[in-house]
Amino acid sequence: MSVFIAADRAGKVVGTIGCTVQQNKEGHLRGMAVLPDWQGTMVASELLRTAEKEIGSRGGDKITLDTTQPLQRAIRFYEKHGYKPTGKVRAFFGMPLFQYEKRLPTDS
C-alpha cells in the first residue's frame, strides 16, 4: 500500500489517502481524509490525483473505492472526479458499503 499525505506550510498533516494495486491491475483507494478546515480546497483533489497517478504508474487500469450512504459529500466529490457506482454493495459492520469505480485512460 502507498500512503500519501498533504501538509500545510508548517508541516502539519491536513490530508491523507492510501492506495493499492492488485495483481489484476485493479487499483483501490483506501482511507481518504482531509481536515475540515481544508475541505473545499484543492487538497482532496490533489491527493486523489496523486493516488490515481501512482496506480497508473504501477500498471493499474481501473480504480475502485468503497463508501457509505451518509458520506454524501464524499460521494459527490468522487462522482465529480469520474467515479461511477458499480452496483456492488456489501455489509460493513451492518452498514451498506457501496463500490465506485473509474477506468484510467490507456496509452494506446
C-alpha atoms as a PDB file:
ATOM      1  CA  MET A   1       0.000   0.000   0.000  1.00  0.00           C
ATOM      2  CA  SER A   2       1.116   3.521  -0.761  1.00  0.00           C
ATOM      3  CA  VAL A   3       0.072   6.330   1.574  1.00  0.00           C
ATOM      4  CA  PHE A   4       0.271   9.980   0.617  1.00  0.00           C
ATOM      5  CA  ILE A   5      -0.060  12.991   2.867  1.00  0.00           C
ATOM      6  CA  ALA A   6      -0.769  16.651   2.308  1.00  0.00           C
ATOM      7  CA  ALA A   7       0.800  19.101   4.737  1.00  0.00           C
ATOM      8  CA  ASP A   8       0.453  22.816   5.281  1.00  0.00           C
ATOM      9  CA  ARG A   9       3.447  25.147   5.134  1.00  0.00           C
ATOM     10  CA  ALA A  10       4.210  24.489   8.793  1.00  0.00           C
ATOM     11  CA  GLY A  11       4.363  20.745   8.132  1.00  0.00           C
ATOM     12  CA  LYS A  12       1.051  19.874   9.806  1.00  0.00           C
ATOM     13  CA  VAL A  13      -0.710  16.970   8.077  1.00  0.00           C
ATOM     14  CA  VAL A  14      -4.015  18.193   6.624  1.00  0.00           C
ATOM     15  CA  GLY A  15      -4.986  15.180   4.493  1.00  0.00           C
ATOM     16  CA  THR A  16      -4.147  11.575   3.640  1.00  0.00           C
ATOM     17  CA  ILE A  17      -5.015   8.911   1.102  1.00  0.00           C
ATOM     18  CA  GLY A  18      -3.961   5.296   0.676  1.00  0.00           C
ATOM     19  CA  CYS A  19      -3.997   3.150  -2.444  1.00  0.00           C
ATOM     20  CA  THR A  20      -3.049  -0.308  -3.613  1.00  0.00           C
ATOM     21  CA  VAL A  21      -2.749  -2.128  -6.933  1.00  0.00           C
ATOM     22  CA  GLN A  22      -3.794  -5.765  -7.131  1.00  0.00           C
ATOM     23  CA  GLN A  23      -2.301  -8.342  -9.496  1.00  0.00           C
ATOM     24  CA  ASN A  24      -5.359  -7.993 -11.742  1.00  0.00           C
ATOM     25  CA  LYS A  25      -4.315  -4.350 -12.427  1.00  0.00           C
ATOM     26  CA  GLU A  26      -7.162  -3.036 -10.287  1.00  0.00           C
ATOM     27  CA  GLY A  27      -6.268  -0.159  -8.027  1.00  0.00           C
ATOM     28  CA  HIS A  28      -8.166   0.536  -4.832  1.00  0.00           C
ATOM     29  CA  LEU A  29      -8.416   3.740  -2.808  1.00  0.00           C
ATOM     30  CA  ARG A  30      -8.484   3.460   0.954  1.00  0.00           C
ATOM     31  CA  GLY A  31      -9.000   5.911   3.762  1.00  0.00           C
ATOM     32  CA  MET A  32      -9.020   9.349   2.180  1.00  0.00           C
ATOM     33  CA  ALA A  33      -9.436  12.086   4.776  1.00  0.00           C
ATOM     34  CA  VAL A  34      -8.969  15.854   4.819  1.00  0.00           C
ATOM     35  CA  LEU A  35      -9.233  18.052   7.906  1.00  0.00           C
ATOM     36  CA  PRO A  36     -12.479  20.073   7.984  1.00  0.00           C
ATOM     37  CA  ASP A  37     -10.701  23.441   7.615  1.00  0.00           C
ATOM     38  CA  TRP A  38      -9.061  22.163   4.413  1.00  0.00           C
ATOM     39  CA  GLN A  39     -12.153  20.632   2.822  1.00  0.00           C
ATOM     40  CA  GLY A  40     -13.291  22.547  -0.233  1.00  0.00           C
ATOM     41  CA  THR A  41      -9.721  23.488  -1.105  1.00  0.00           C
ATOM     42  CA  MET A  42      -7.690  21.640  -3.726  1.00  0.00           C
ATOM     43  CA  VAL A  43      -6.131  19.325  -1.140  1.00  0.00           C
ATOM     44  CA  ALA A  44      -8.572  16.457  -1.715  1.00  0.00           C
ATOM     45  CA  SER A  45      -8.338  16.770  -5.496  1.00  0.00           C
ATOM     46  CA  GLU A  46      -4.532  16.776  -5.379  1.00  0.00           C
ATOM     47  CA  LEU A  47      -4.436  13.756  -3.071  1.00  0.00           C
ATOM     48  CA  LEU A  48      -6.818  11.891  -5.371  1.00  0.00           C
ATOM     49  CA  ARG A  49      -4.815  12.865  -8.464  1.00  0.00           C
ATOM     50  CA  THR A  50      -1.604  11.673  -6.767  1.00  0.00           C
ATOM     51  CA  ALA A  51      -3.122   8.300  -5.869  1.00  0.00           C
ATOM     52  CA  GLU A  52      -4.549   7.858  -9.376  1.00  0.00           C
ATOM     53  CA  LYS A  53      -1.146   8.673 -10.870  1.00  0.00           C
ATOM     54  CA  GLU A  54       0.528   6.142  -8.562  1.00  0.00           C
ATOM     55  CA  ILE A  55      -1.971   3.428  -9.508  1.00  0.00           C
ATOM     56  CA  GLY A  56      -1.490   4.173 -13.212  1.00  0.00           C
ATOM     57  CA  SER A  57       2.301   4.107 -12.888  1.00  0.00           C
ATOM     58  CA  ARG A  58       2.051   0.647 -11.314  1.00  0.00           C
ATOM     59  CA  GLY A  59       0.015  -0.736 -14.213  1.00  0.00           C
ATOM     60  CA  GLY A  60      -3.461  -0.141 -12.824  1.00  0.00           C
ATOM     61  CA  ASP A  61      -6.195   0.365 -15.407  1.00  0.00           C
ATOM     62  CA  LYS A  62      -9.183   0.672 -13.089  1.00  0.00           C
ATOM     63  CA  ILE A  63      -9.660   2.140  -9.610  1.00  0.00           C
ATOM     64  CA  THR A  64     -12.301   1.167  -7.088  1.00  0.00           C
ATOM     65  CA  LEU A  65     -13.298   2.661  -3.773  1.00  0.00           C
ATOM     66  CA  ASP A  66     -15.946   1.948  -1.182  1.00  0.00           C
ATOM     67  CA  THR A  67     -18.073   4.473   0.649  1.00  0.00           C
ATOM     68  CA  THR A  68     -21.205   4.631   2.778  1.00  0.00           C
ATOM     69  CA  GLN A  69     -24.513   6.395   2.204  1.00  0.00           C
ATOM     70  CA  PRO A  70     -24.029   9.009   4.972  1.00  0.00           C
ATOM     71  CA  LEU A  71     -20.929  10.335   3.182  1.00  0.00           C
ATOM     72  CA  GLN A  72     -22.891  12.220   0.513  1.00  0.00           C
ATOM     73  CA  ARG A  73     -20.306  14.987   0.220  1.00  0.00           C
ATOM     74  CA  ALA A  74     -17.601  12.394  -0.468  1.00  0.00           C
ATOM     75  CA  ILE A  75     -19.835  10.630  -2.986  1.00  0.00           C
ATOM     76  CA  ARG A  76     -20.405  13.902  -4.868  1.00  0.00           C
ATOM     77  CA  PHE A  77     -16.650  14.571  -4.789  1.00  0.00           C
ATOM     78  CA  TYR A  78     -15.815  11.167  -6.272  1.00  0.00           C
ATOM     79  CA  GLU A  79     -18.568  11.418  -8.899  1.00  0.00           C
ATOM     80  CA  LYS A  80     -17.244  14.858  -9.899  1.00  0.00           C
ATOM     81  CA  HIS A  81     -13.852  13.194 -10.436  1.00  0.00           C
ATOM     82  CA  GLY A  82     -15.231  10.482 -12.728  1.00  0.00           C
ATOM     83  CA  TYR A  83     -16.137   7.672 -10.322  1.00  0.00           C
ATOM     84  CA  LYS A  84     -19.365   5.789 -11.008  1.00  0.00           C
ATOM     85  CA  PRO A  85     -21.317   3.336  -8.848  1.00  0.00           C
ATOM     86  CA  THR A  86     -20.785  -0.290  -9.825  1.00  0.00           C
ATOM     87  CA  GLY A  87     -23.946  -1.556  -8.152  1.00  0.00           C
ATOM     88  CA  LYS A  88     -21.888  -3.747  -5.815  1.00  0.00           C
ATOM     89  CA  VAL A  89     -22.919  -3.389  -2.183  1.00  0.00           C
ATOM     90  CA  ARG A  90     -21.527  -5.283   0.782  1.00  0.00           C
ATOM     91  CA  ALA A  91     -22.034  -5.079   4.507  1.00  0.00           C
ATOM     92  CA  PHE A  92     -19.560  -3.169   6.635  1.00  0.00           C
ATOM     93  CA  PHE A  93     -20.312  -3.632  10.337  1.00  0.00           C
ATOM     94  CA  GLY A  94     -24.016  -3.668   9.496  1.00  0.00           C
ATOM     95  CA  MET A  95     -23.840  -0.645   7.174  1.00  0.00           C
ATOM     96  CA  PRO A  96     -24.069  -0.913   3.379  1.00  0.00           C
ATOM     97  CA  LEU A  97     -20.767  -0.196   1.659  1.00  0.00           C
ATOM     98  CA  PHE A  98     -21.172   0.996  -1.941  1.00  0.00           C
ATOM     99  CA  GLN A  99     -18.469   0.424  -4.541  1.00  0.00           C
ATOM    100  CA  TYR A 100     -17.493   3.065  -7.106  1.00  0.00           C
ATOM    101  CA  GLU A 101     -15.001   2.738  -9.943  1.00  0.00           C
ATOM    102  CA  LYS A 102     -13.133   4.747 -12.516  1.00  0.00           C
ATOM    103  CA  ARG A 103     -11.326   3.491 -15.598  1.00  0.00           C
ATOM    104  CA  LEU A 104      -7.935   5.048 -16.190  1.00  0.00           C
ATOM    105  CA  PRO A 105      -7.047   6.215 -19.693  1.00  0.00           C
ATOM    106  CA  THR A 106      -4.875   3.828 -21.654  1.00  0.00           C
ATOM    107  CA  ASP A 107      -1.776   4.847 -23.560  1.00  0.00           C
ATOM    108  CA  SER A 108      -2.849   3.103 -26.764  1.00  0.00           C
END
